[in-house]
PDB file of N, CA and C in Angstrom:
ATOM      1  N   MET A   1       9.319  19.188 -11.667  1.00  0.00           N
ATOM      2  CA  MET A   1       9.015  18.343 -10.548  1.00  0.00           C
ATOM      3  C   MET A   1       9.623  16.963 -10.794  1.00  0.00           C
ATOM      4  N   VAL A   2      10.186  16.387  -9.758  1.00  0.00           N
ATOM      5  CA  VAL A   2      10.727  15.034  -9.811  1.00  0.00           C
ATOM      6  C   VAL A   2      10.006  14.216  -8.752  1.00  0.00           C
ATOM      7  N   GLU A   3       9.601  13.013  -9.133  1.00  0.00           N
ATOM      8  CA  GLU A   3       8.917  12.130  -8.186  1.00  0.00           C
ATOM      9  C   GLU A   3       9.742  10.882  -7.938  1.00  0.00           C
ATOM     10  N   LYS A   4       9.590  10.344  -6.754  1.00  0.00           N
ATOM     11  CA  LYS A   4      10.209   9.074  -6.397  1.00  0.00           C
ATOM     12  C   LYS A   4       9.087   8.066  -6.216  1.00  0.00           C
ATOM     13  N   VAL A   5       9.412   6.779  -6.390  1.00  0.00           N
ATOM     14  CA  VAL A   5       8.409   5.723  -6.316  1.00  0.00           C
ATOM     15  C   VAL A   5       8.859   4.655  -5.322  1.00  0.00           C
ATOM     16  N   LEU A   6       7.926   4.235  -4.469  1.00  0.00           N
ATOM     17  CA  LEU A   6       8.172   3.133  -3.533  1.00  0.00           C
ATOM     18  C   LEU A   6       7.136   2.045  -3.760  1.00  0.00           C
ATOM     19  N   ASP A   7       7.552   0.796  -3.724  1.00  0.00           N
ATOM     20  CA  ASP A   7       6.611  -0.324  -3.718  1.00  0.00           C
ATOM     21  C   ASP A   7       6.448  -0.780  -2.277  1.00  0.00           C
ATOM     22  N   ILE A   8       5.204  -0.815  -1.807  1.00  0.00           N
ATOM     23  CA  ILE A   8       4.890  -1.128  -0.419  1.00  0.00           C
ATOM     24  C   ILE A   8       3.771  -2.167  -0.394  1.00  0.00           C
ATOM     25  N   VAL A   9       3.811  -3.088   0.560  1.00  0.00           N
ATOM     26  CA  VAL A   9       2.739  -4.061   0.744  1.00  0.00           C
ATOM     27  C   VAL A   9       1.987  -3.718   2.031  1.00  0.00           C
ATOM     28  N   GLY A  10       0.699  -3.478   1.888  1.00  0.00           N
ATOM     29  CA  GLY A  10      -0.169  -3.265   3.042  1.00  0.00           C
ATOM     30  C   GLY A  10      -0.967  -4.525   3.300  1.00  0.00           C
ATOM     31  N   THR A  11      -1.337  -4.742   4.560  1.00  0.00           N
ATOM     32  CA  THR A  11      -2.116  -5.931   4.914  1.00  0.00           C
ATOM     33  C   THR A  11      -3.299  -5.548   5.784  1.00  0.00           C
ATOM     34  N   SER A  12      -4.324  -6.375   5.728  1.00  0.00           N
ATOM     35  CA  SER A  12      -5.503  -6.174   6.564  1.00  0.00           C
ATOM     36  C   SER A  12      -6.257  -7.493   6.694  1.00  0.00           C
ATOM     37  N   PRO A  13      -6.813  -7.775   7.856  1.00  0.00           N
ATOM     38  CA  PRO A  13      -7.665  -8.953   7.990  1.00  0.00           C
ATOM     39  C   PRO A  13      -9.084  -8.698   7.468  1.00  0.00           C
ATOM     40  N   GLU A  14      -9.387  -7.436   7.078  1.00  0.00           N
ATOM     41  CA  GLU A  14     -10.755  -7.066   6.723  1.00  0.00           C
ATOM     42  C   GLU A  14     -11.036  -6.934   5.228  1.00  0.00           C
ATOM     43  N   SER A  15     -10.136  -6.233   4.468  1.00  0.00           N
ATOM     44  CA  SER A  15     -10.450  -5.978   3.056  1.00  0.00           C
ATOM     45  C   SER A  15      -9.216  -5.493   2.298  1.00  0.00           C
ATOM     46  N   PHE A  16      -9.340  -5.518   0.960  1.00  0.00           N
ATOM     47  CA  PHE A  16      -8.282  -4.963   0.125  1.00  0.00           C
ATOM     48  C   PHE A  16      -8.170  -3.453   0.337  1.00  0.00           C
ATOM     49  N   ALA A  17      -9.301  -2.776   0.446  1.00  0.00           N
ATOM     50  CA  ALA A  17      -9.285  -1.322   0.634  1.00  0.00           C
ATOM     51  C   ALA A  17      -8.523  -0.946   1.901  1.00  0.00           C
ATOM     52  N   LYS A  18      -8.736  -1.686   2.963  1.00  0.00           N
ATOM     53  CA  LYS A  18      -8.030  -1.396   4.211  1.00  0.00           C
ATOM     54  C   LYS A  18      -6.546  -1.744   4.099  1.00  0.00           C
ATOM     55  N   ALA A  19      -6.209  -2.739   3.298  1.00  0.00           N
ATOM     56  CA  ALA A  19      -4.799  -3.075   3.071  1.00  0.00           C
ATOM     57  C   ALA A  19      -4.094  -1.943   2.329  1.00  0.00           C
ATOM     58  N   VAL A  20      -4.769  -1.357   1.332  1.00  0.00           N
ATOM     59  CA  VAL A  20      -4.206  -0.216   0.608  1.00  0.00           C
ATOM     60  C   VAL A  20      -4.049   0.964   1.564  1.00  0.00           C
ATOM     61  N   ASP A  21      -5.067   1.226   2.362  1.00  0.00           N
ATOM     62  CA  ASP A  21      -5.009   2.325   3.325  1.00  0.00           C
ATOM     63  C   ASP A  21      -3.871   2.116   4.325  1.00  0.00           C
ATOM     64  N   ASP A  22      -3.666   0.876   4.743  1.00  0.00           N
ATOM     65  CA  ASP A  22      -2.562   0.561   5.659  1.00  0.00           C
ATOM     66  C   ASP A  22      -1.215   0.919   5.024  1.00  0.00           C
ATOM     67  N   ALA A  23      -1.045   0.583   3.762  1.00  0.00           N
ATOM     68  CA  ALA A  23       0.216   0.880   3.076  1.00  0.00           C
ATOM     69  C   ALA A  23       0.455   2.385   2.988  1.00  0.00           C
ATOM     70  N   VAL A  24      -0.579   3.131   2.637  1.00  0.00           N
ATOM     71  CA  VAL A  24      -0.445   4.583   2.508  1.00  0.00           C
ATOM     72  C   VAL A  24      -0.216   5.223   3.878  1.00  0.00           C
ATOM     73  N   SER A  25      -0.977   4.814   4.873  1.00  0.00           N
ATOM     74  CA  SER A  25      -0.841   5.391   6.213  1.00  0.00           C
ATOM     75  C   SER A  25       0.535   5.128   6.812  1.00  0.00           C
ATOM     76  N   ALA A  26       1.029   3.920   6.651  1.00  0.00           N
ATOM     77  CA  ALA A  26       2.344   3.581   7.192  1.00  0.00           C
ATOM     78  C   ALA A  26       3.445   4.364   6.473  1.00  0.00           C
ATOM     79  N   THR A  27       3.316   4.497   5.169  1.00  0.00           N
ATOM     80  CA  THR A  27       4.318   5.243   4.398  1.00  0.00           C
ATOM     81  C   THR A  27       4.291   6.723   4.760  1.00  0.00           C
ATOM     82  N   ALA A  28       3.109   7.264   4.975  1.00  0.00           N
ATOM     83  CA  ALA A  28       2.968   8.689   5.292  1.00  0.00           C
ATOM     84  C   ALA A  28       3.624   9.062   6.621  1.00  0.00           C
ATOM     85  N   GLN A  29       3.920   8.082   7.463  1.00  0.00           N
ATOM     86  CA  GLN A  29       4.594   8.378   8.730  1.00  0.00           C
ATOM     87  C   GLN A  29       6.040   8.826   8.508  1.00  0.00           C
ATOM     88  N   THR A  30       6.633   8.422   7.392  1.00  0.00           N
ATOM     89  CA  THR A  30       8.042   8.776   7.141  1.00  0.00           C
ATOM     90  C   THR A  30       8.281   9.470   5.799  1.00  0.00           C
ATOM     91  N   VAL A  31       7.251   9.585   4.972  1.00  0.00           N
ATOM     92  CA  VAL A  31       7.405  10.194   3.644  1.00  0.00           C
ATOM     93  C   VAL A  31       6.415  11.358   3.517  1.00  0.00           C
ATOM     94  N   ARG A  32       6.923  12.506   3.062  1.00  0.00           N
ATOM     95  CA  ARG A  32       6.066  13.671   2.831  1.00  0.00           C
ATOM     96  C   ARG A  32       5.714  13.776   1.354  1.00  0.00           C
ATOM     97  N   ASN A  33       4.689  14.550   1.078  1.00  0.00           N
ATOM     98  CA  ASN A  33       4.293  14.914  -0.293  1.00  0.00           C
ATOM     99  C   ASN A  33       3.878  13.724  -1.154  1.00  0.00           C
ATOM    100  N   ILE A  34       3.160  12.767  -0.569  1.00  0.00           N
ATOM    101  CA  ILE A  34       2.621  11.657  -1.373  1.00  0.00           C
ATOM    102  C   ILE A  34       1.589  12.238  -2.334  1.00  0.00           C
ATOM    103  N   ARG A  35       1.748  11.930  -3.614  1.00  0.00           N
ATOM    104  CA  ARG A  35       0.867  12.482  -4.650  1.00  0.00           C
ATOM    105  C   ARG A  35      -0.227  11.514  -5.084  1.00  0.00           C
ATOM    106  N   TRP A  36       0.149  10.271  -5.304  1.00  0.00           N
ATOM    107  CA  TRP A  36      -0.849   9.295  -5.732  1.00  0.00           C
ATOM    108  C   TRP A  36      -0.335   7.886  -5.520  1.00  0.00           C
ATOM    109  N   VAL A  37      -1.243   6.932  -5.666  1.00  0.00           N
ATOM    110  CA  VAL A  37      -0.948   5.522  -5.403  1.00  0.00           C
ATOM    111  C   VAL A  37      -1.537   4.678  -6.527  1.00  0.00           C
ATOM    112  N   ARG A  38      -0.778   3.702  -6.981  1.00  0.00           N
ATOM    113  CA  ARG A  38      -1.284   2.740  -7.965  1.00  0.00           C
ATOM    114  C   ARG A  38      -1.282   1.355  -7.329  1.00  0.00           C
ATOM    115  N   VAL A  39      -2.419   0.688  -7.357  1.00  0.00           N
ATOM    116  CA  VAL A  39      -2.504  -0.674  -6.836  1.00  0.00           C
ATOM    117  C   VAL A  39      -1.990  -1.601  -7.924  1.00  0.00           C
ATOM    118  N   LYS A  40      -0.936  -2.358  -7.594  1.00  0.00           N
ATOM    119  CA  LYS A  40      -0.305  -3.233  -8.585  1.00  0.00           C
ATOM    120  C   LYS A  40      -0.809  -4.667  -8.500  1.00  0.00           C
ATOM    121  N   GLU A  41      -0.922  -5.194  -7.281  1.00  0.00           N
ATOM    122  CA  GLU A  41      -1.334  -6.590  -7.108  1.00  0.00           C
ATOM    123  C   GLU A  41      -2.192  -6.724  -5.863  1.00  0.00           C
ATOM    124  N   LEU A  42      -3.126  -7.656  -5.920  1.00  0.00           N
ATOM    125  CA  LEU A  42      -3.948  -7.996  -4.767  1.00  0.00           C
ATOM    126  C   LEU A  42      -3.825  -9.493  -4.528  1.00  0.00           C
ATOM    127  N   ASP A  43      -3.546  -9.872  -3.289  1.00  0.00           N
ATOM    128  CA  ASP A  43      -3.391 -11.280  -2.936  1.00  0.00           C
ATOM    129  C   ASP A  43      -4.092 -11.527  -1.598  1.00  0.00           C
ATOM    130  N   CYS A  44      -4.397 -12.789  -1.345  1.00  0.00           N
ATOM    131  CA  CYS A  44      -5.011 -13.178  -0.071  1.00  0.00           C
ATOM    132  C   CYS A  44      -4.257 -14.343   0.536  1.00  0.00           C
ATOM    133  N   MET A  45      -4.194 -14.341   1.848  1.00  0.00           N
ATOM    134  CA  MET A  45      -3.689 -15.489   2.582  1.00  0.00           C
ATOM    135  C   MET A  45      -4.918 -16.322   2.989  1.00  0.00           C
ATOM    136  N   VAL A  46      -4.814 -17.631   2.869  1.00  0.00           N
ATOM    137  CA  VAL A  46      -5.937 -18.509   3.183  1.00  0.00           C
ATOM    138  C   VAL A  46      -5.545 -19.453   4.311  1.00  0.00           C
ATOM    139  N   LYS A  47      -6.423 -19.559   5.302  1.00  0.00           N
ATOM    140  CA  LYS A  47      -6.257 -20.515   6.394  1.00  0.00           C
ATOM    141  C   LYS A  47      -7.593 -21.207   6.622  1.00  0.00           C
ATOM    142  N   ASN A  48      -7.550 -22.502   6.768  1.00  0.00           N
ATOM    143  CA  ASN A  48      -8.767 -23.296   6.996  1.00  0.00           C
ATOM    144  C   ASN A  48      -9.848 -22.999   5.959  1.00  0.00           C
ATOM    145  N   ASP A  49      -9.424 -22.934   4.697  1.00  0.00           N
ATOM    146  CA  ASP A  49     -10.332 -22.720   3.564  1.00  0.00           C
ATOM    147  C   ASP A  49     -11.064 -21.381   3.596  1.00  0.00           C
ATOM    148  N   ARG A  50     -10.519 -20.389   4.304  1.00  0.00           N
ATOM    149  CA  ARG A  50     -11.132 -19.065   4.363  1.00  0.00           C
ATOM    150  C   ARG A  50     -10.035 -17.998   4.218  1.00  0.00           C
ATOM    151  N   ILE A  51     -10.407 -16.881   3.689  1.00  0.00           N
ATOM    152  CA  ILE A  51      -9.450 -15.778   3.588  1.00  0.00           C
ATOM    153  C   ILE A  51      -9.167 -15.254   4.984  1.00  0.00           C
ATOM    154  N   SER A  52      -7.885 -15.230   5.330  1.00  0.00           N
ATOM    155  CA  SER A  52      -7.507 -14.761   6.665  1.00  0.00           C
ATOM    156  C   SER A  52      -6.831 -13.390   6.627  1.00  0.00           C
ATOM    157  N   GLU A  53      -6.296 -13.010   5.453  1.00  0.00           N
ATOM    158  CA  GLU A  53      -5.617 -11.715   5.364  1.00  0.00           C
ATOM    159  C   GLU A  53      -5.572 -11.260   3.911  1.00  0.00           C
ATOM    160  N   TYR A  54      -5.790  -9.971   3.712  1.00  0.00           N
ATOM    161  CA  TYR A  54      -5.726  -9.350   2.391  1.00  0.00           C
ATOM    162  C   TYR A  54      -4.403  -8.608   2.263  1.00  0.00           C
ATOM    163  N   HIS A  55      -3.758  -8.738   1.106  1.00  0.00           N
ATOM    164  CA  HIS A  55      -2.493  -8.060   0.843  1.00  0.00           C
ATOM    165  C   HIS A  55      -2.651  -7.196  -0.407  1.00  0.00           C
ATOM    166  N   ALA A  56      -2.121  -5.983  -0.352  1.00  0.00           N
ATOM    167  CA  ALA A  56      -2.154  -5.082  -1.504  1.00  0.00           C
ATOM    168  C   ALA A  56      -0.746  -4.550  -1.747  1.00  0.00           C
ATOM    169  N   LEU A  57      -0.209  -4.849  -2.908  1.00  0.00           N
ATOM    170  CA  LEU A  57       1.072  -4.280  -3.323  1.00  0.00           C
ATOM    171  C   LEU A  57       0.755  -2.975  -4.043  1.00  0.00           C
ATOM    172  N   VAL A  58       1.234  -1.879  -3.487  1.00  0.00           N
ATOM    173  CA  VAL A  58       0.938  -0.575  -4.070  1.00  0.00           C
ATOM    174  C   VAL A  58       2.231   0.143  -4.428  1.00  0.00           C
ATOM    175  N   ARG A  59       2.148   0.966  -5.428  1.00  0.00           N
ATOM    176  CA  ARG A  59       3.268   1.815  -5.837  1.00  0.00           C
ATOM    177  C   ARG A  59       2.890   3.235  -5.405  1.00  0.00           C
ATOM    178  N   ILE A  60       3.707   3.817  -4.534  1.00  0.00           N
ATOM    179  CA  ILE A  60       3.429   5.132  -3.973  1.00  0.00           C
ATOM    180  C   ILE A  60       4.368   6.155  -4.618  1.00  0.00           C
ATOM    181  N   TYR A  61       3.783   7.221  -5.146  1.00  0.00           N
ATOM    182  CA  TYR A  61       4.529   8.273  -5.817  1.00  0.00           C
ATOM    183  C   TYR A  61       4.540   9.517  -4.933  1.00  0.00           C
ATOM    184  N   PHE A  62       5.719  10.116  -4.762  1.00  0.00           N
ATOM    185  CA  PHE A  62       5.803  11.344  -3.971  1.00  0.00           C
ATOM    186  C   PHE A  62       6.864  12.264  -4.548  1.00  0.00           C
ATOM    187  N   ASP A  63       6.720  13.557  -4.250  1.00  0.00           N
ATOM    188  CA  ASP A  63       7.650  14.561  -4.759  1.00  0.00           C
ATOM    189  C   ASP A  63       8.979  14.475  -4.042  1.00  0.00           C
ATOM    190  N   VAL A  64      10.057  14.662  -4.801  1.00  0.00           N
ATOM    191  CA  VAL A  64      11.398  14.761  -4.224  1.00  0.00           C
ATOM    192  C   VAL A  64      11.595  16.220  -3.829  1.00  0.00           C
ATOM    193  N   GLU A  65      11.998  16.422  -2.583  1.00  0.00           N
ATOM    194  CA  GLU A  65      12.239  17.779  -2.103  1.00  0.00           C
ATOM    195  C   GLU A  65      13.622  18.231  -2.548  1.00  0.00           C
ATOM    196  N   ARG A  66      13.721  19.462  -2.951  1.00  0.00           N
ATOM    197  CA  ARG A  66      15.001  20.012  -3.399  1.00  0.00           C
ATOM    198  C   ARG A  66      15.399  21.171  -2.535  1.00  0.00           C
TER     199      ARG A  66
END
């Protein structure tokens, strides 16, 4: 088995979990056979002294089709 890896940033105004889900869901629209995901970094955008957006940099692993 050979796997390929993509680094993707998901965003959400609600939570880190939803940002990760956004990244996986968006990737799944064009990539088949996603096997697993590793969360690499978590960041927040701040506006008016409050968190306005959550960002999750994830590494998505999927099988290469032969």
